[in-house]
Amino acid sequence: MREAQQHGAALAAVPVGDTLKAGNLEMFVTRTLPRRGVFLAQTPQAFRRELLERAYAQVDTANATDDVQLIELLGEKVKIVESKTTNLKITTPEDLVMAIKLLPVWEAERD
């Protein structure tokens, strides 16, 4: 929230640790991508209200994958707040099972 207040928009993200491969439609590797500066976007994402309202009013939302992309399409900056892989988004029943298993880890990090 602090970063969103200061910069207008912010998201939690984890630096990519895996090697990234680009592929073609035939599923052959075309190149290895540098992972430096690449992040996996997470939630939460936070925005100044007026900025998000402007994004929804001015940007075509049909192909956007998240609200951060709408802010990007406005040409605005979004601050990355480095997070952890244990910051799970619970969407599916499997996510909930994983979250329950991670509760002891989260409690230990909090102490």
C-alpha atoms as a PDB file:
ATOM      1  CA  MET A   1       0.000   0.000   0.000  1.00  0.00           C
ATOM      2  CA  ARG A   2       2.817   2.370   0.865  1.00  0.00           C
ATOM      3  CA  GLU A   3       4.407   1.926  -2.570  1.00  0.00           C
ATOM      4  CA  ALA A   4       1.053   2.402  -4.328  1.00  0.00           C
ATOM      5  CA  GLN A   5       0.454   5.588  -2.359  1.00  0.00           C
ATOM      6  CA  GLN A   6       3.897   6.883  -3.291  1.00  0.00           C
ATOM      7  CA  HIS A   7       4.020   5.754  -6.939  1.00  0.00           C
ATOM      8  CA  GLY A   8       0.354   5.424  -7.894  1.00  0.00           C
ATOM      9  CA  ALA A   9       0.460   1.674  -8.545  1.00  0.00           C
ATOM     10  CA  ALA A  10       2.319  -1.319  -7.115  1.00  0.00           C
ATOM     11  CA  LEU A  11       2.267  -5.093  -7.235  1.00  0.00           C
ATOM     12  CA  ALA A  12       3.811  -7.966  -5.352  1.00  0.00           C
ATOM     13  CA  ALA A  13       6.123 -10.027  -7.560  1.00  0.00           C
ATOM     14  CA  VAL A  14       8.755 -12.738  -7.295  1.00  0.00           C
ATOM     15  CA  PRO A  15      11.995 -12.674  -9.294  1.00  0.00           C
ATOM     16  CA  VAL A  16      12.070 -15.508 -11.825  1.00  0.00           C
ATOM     17  CA  GLY A  17      14.483 -18.225 -10.777  1.00  0.00           C
ATOM     18  CA  ASP A  18      13.838 -20.718 -13.547  1.00  0.00           C
ATOM     19  CA  THR A  19      15.483 -20.632 -16.944  1.00  0.00           C
ATOM     20  CA  LEU A  20      13.096 -19.083 -19.459  1.00  0.00           C
ATOM     21  CA  LYS A  21      12.677 -20.532 -22.929  1.00  0.00           C
ATOM     22  CA  ALA A  22      10.801 -18.971 -25.829  1.00  0.00           C
ATOM     23  CA  GLY A  23       9.180 -21.393 -28.220  1.00  0.00           C
ATOM     24  CA  ASN A  24       7.436 -21.365 -31.573  1.00  0.00           C
ATOM     25  CA  LEU A  25       4.017 -22.717 -32.565  1.00  0.00           C
ATOM     26  CA  GLU A  26       5.572 -26.119 -33.317  1.00  0.00           C
ATOM     27  CA  MET A  27       6.837 -26.237 -29.707  1.00  0.00           C
ATOM     28  CA  PHE A  28      10.537 -25.956 -30.468  1.00  0.00           C
ATOM     29  CA  VAL A  29      12.807 -23.726 -28.412  1.00  0.00           C
ATOM     30  CA  THR A  30      13.687 -20.562 -30.308  1.00  0.00           C
ATOM     31  CA  ARG A  31      15.849 -18.921 -27.673  1.00  0.00           C
ATOM     32  CA  THR A  32      16.720 -18.613 -24.009  1.00  0.00           C
ATOM     33  CA  LEU A  33      15.486 -15.418 -22.406  1.00  0.00           C
ATOM     34  CA  PRO A  34      17.439 -13.503 -19.771  1.00  0.00           C
ATOM     35  CA  ARG A  35      15.724 -13.793 -16.403  1.00  0.00           C
ATOM     36  CA  ARG A  36      17.309 -10.728 -14.857  1.00  0.00           C
ATOM     37  CA  GLY A  37      14.605  -8.146 -14.363  1.00  0.00           C
ATOM     38  CA  VAL A  38      11.788 -10.650 -15.010  1.00  0.00           C
ATOM     39  CA  PHE A  39       9.183 -11.174 -12.295  1.00  0.00           C
ATOM     40  CA  LEU A  40       6.139 -13.349 -11.693  1.00  0.00           C
ATOM     41  CA  ALA A  41       3.255 -11.023 -10.848  1.00  0.00           C
ATOM     42  CA  GLN A  42       1.284 -11.865  -7.732  1.00  0.00           C
ATOM     43  CA  THR A  43      -1.475 -10.355  -5.687  1.00  0.00           C
ATOM     44  CA  PRO A  44      -2.007  -7.999  -4.070  1.00  0.00           C
ATOM     45  CA  GLN A  45      -1.936  -5.268  -6.651  1.00  0.00           C
ATOM     46  CA  ALA A  46      -2.687  -1.784  -5.363  1.00  0.00           C
ATOM     47  CA  PHE A  47      -3.537   1.469  -7.112  1.00  0.00           C
ATOM     48  CA  ARG A  48      -4.587   5.002  -6.491  1.00  0.00           C
ATOM     49  CA  ARG A  49      -8.304   4.925  -7.162  1.00  0.00           C
ATOM     50  CA  GLU A  50      -8.294   7.706  -9.739  1.00  0.00           C
ATOM     51  CA  LEU A  51      -5.518   5.978 -11.692  1.00  0.00           C
ATOM     52  CA  LEU A  52      -7.363   2.659 -11.864  1.00  0.00           C
ATOM     53  CA  GLU A  53     -10.636   4.394 -12.781  1.00  0.00           C
ATOM     54  CA  ARG A  54      -8.858   6.237 -15.588  1.00  0.00           C
ATOM     55  CA  ALA A  55      -7.349   2.975 -16.837  1.00  0.00           C
ATOM     56  CA  TYR A  56     -10.742   1.272 -16.997  1.00  0.00           C
ATOM     57  CA  ALA A  57     -12.257   4.289 -18.743  1.00  0.00           C
ATOM     58  CA  GLN A  58      -9.504   4.763 -21.334  1.00  0.00           C
ATOM     59  CA  VAL A  59      -7.976   1.347 -22.047  1.00  0.00           C
ATOM     60  CA  ASP A  60      -9.421  -1.609 -23.940  1.00  0.00           C
ATOM     61  CA  THR A  61      -9.704  -4.240 -21.219  1.00  0.00           C
ATOM     62  CA  ALA A  62     -10.485  -7.151 -23.570  1.00  0.00           C
ATOM     63  CA  ASN A  63      -6.909  -8.462 -23.815  1.00  0.00           C
ATOM     64  CA  ALA A  64      -5.503  -7.348 -20.461  1.00  0.00           C
ATOM     65  CA  THR A  65      -4.513 -10.137 -18.099  1.00  0.00           C
ATOM     66  CA  ASP A  66      -4.562  -8.025 -14.940  1.00  0.00           C
ATOM     67  CA  ASP A  67      -5.126  -4.492 -13.667  1.00  0.00           C
ATOM     68  CA  VAL A  68      -1.394  -3.735 -13.752  1.00  0.00           C
ATOM     69  CA  GLN A  69      -1.402  -4.215 -17.507  1.00  0.00           C
ATOM     70  CA  LEU A  70      -4.159  -1.603 -17.803  1.00  0.00           C
ATOM     71  CA  ILE A  71      -1.977   0.868 -15.917  1.00  0.00           C
ATOM     72  CA  GLU A  72       0.962  -0.007 -18.185  1.00  0.00           C
ATOM     73  CA  LEU A  73      -1.193   0.619 -21.264  1.00  0.00           C
ATOM     74  CA  LEU A  74      -1.896   4.106 -19.933  1.00  0.00           C
ATOM     75  CA  GLY A  75       1.856   4.672 -19.986  1.00  0.00           C
ATOM     76  CA  GLU A  76       2.060   4.888 -16.200  1.00  0.00           C
ATOM     77  CA  LYS A  77       4.708   3.263 -14.004  1.00  0.00           C
ATOM     78  CA  VAL A  78       3.984   0.382 -11.639  1.00  0.00           C
ATOM     79  CA  LYS A  79       6.300  -0.216  -8.679  1.00  0.00           C
ATOM     80  CA  ILE A  80       7.409  -3.826  -8.089  1.00  0.00           C
ATOM     81  CA  VAL A  81       7.469  -4.922  -4.455  1.00  0.00           C
ATOM     82  CA  GLU A  82       9.559  -8.073  -4.153  1.00  0.00           C
ATOM     83  CA  SER A  83       7.572 -10.898  -2.609  1.00  0.00           C
ATOM     84  CA  LYS A  84       8.026 -14.592  -1.834  1.00  0.00           C
ATOM     85  CA  THR A  85       6.904 -17.732  -3.611  1.00  0.00           C
ATOM     86  CA  THR A  86       4.877 -18.618  -0.525  1.00  0.00           C
ATOM     87  CA  ASN A  87       2.545 -15.681  -1.300  1.00  0.00           C
ATOM     88  CA  LEU A  88      -0.170 -17.818  -2.871  1.00  0.00           C
ATOM     89  CA  LYS A  89      -3.273 -16.712  -4.707  1.00  0.00           C
ATOM     90  CA  ILE A  90      -6.053 -19.065  -3.673  1.00  0.00           C
ATOM     91  CA  THR A  91      -8.203 -19.688  -6.742  1.00  0.00           C
ATOM     92  CA  THR A  92      -8.648 -23.450  -6.945  1.00  0.00           C
ATOM     93  CA  PRO A  93      -9.247 -26.197  -4.364  1.00  0.00           C
ATOM     94  CA  GLU A  94      -5.629 -27.289  -4.930  1.00  0.00           C
ATOM     95  CA  ASP A  95      -4.433 -23.794  -4.007  1.00  0.00           C
ATOM     96  CA  LEU A  96      -6.327 -24.046  -0.734  1.00  0.00           C
ATOM     97  CA  VAL A  97      -4.710 -27.419   0.051  1.00  0.00           C
ATOM     98  CA  MET A  98      -1.264 -25.904  -0.580  1.00  0.00           C
ATOM     99  CA  ALA A  99      -2.080 -22.869   1.575  1.00  0.00           C
ATOM    100  CA  ILE A 100      -3.129 -25.068   4.480  1.00  0.00           C
ATOM    101  CA  LYS A 101       0.158 -26.951   4.202  1.00  0.00           C
ATOM    102  CA  LEU A 102       2.071 -23.656   4.189  1.00  0.00           C
ATOM    103  CA  LEU A 103       0.411 -22.249   7.314  1.00  0.00           C
ATOM    104  CA  PRO A 104       3.286 -23.380   9.593  1.00  0.00           C
ATOM    105  CA  VAL A 105       5.807 -21.681   7.270  1.00  0.00           C
ATOM    106  CA  TRP A 106       3.855 -18.428   7.247  1.00  0.00           C
ATOM    107  CA  GLU A 107       3.503 -18.505  11.040  1.00  0.00           C
ATOM    108  CA  ALA A 108       7.261 -19.067  11.423  1.00  0.00           C
ATOM    109  CA  GLU A 109       8.016 -16.125   9.067  1.00  0.00           C
ATOM    110  CA  ARG A 110       5.709 -13.881  11.076  1.00  0.00           C
ATOM    111  CA  ASP A 111       7.509 -14.590  14.377  1.00  0.00           C
END
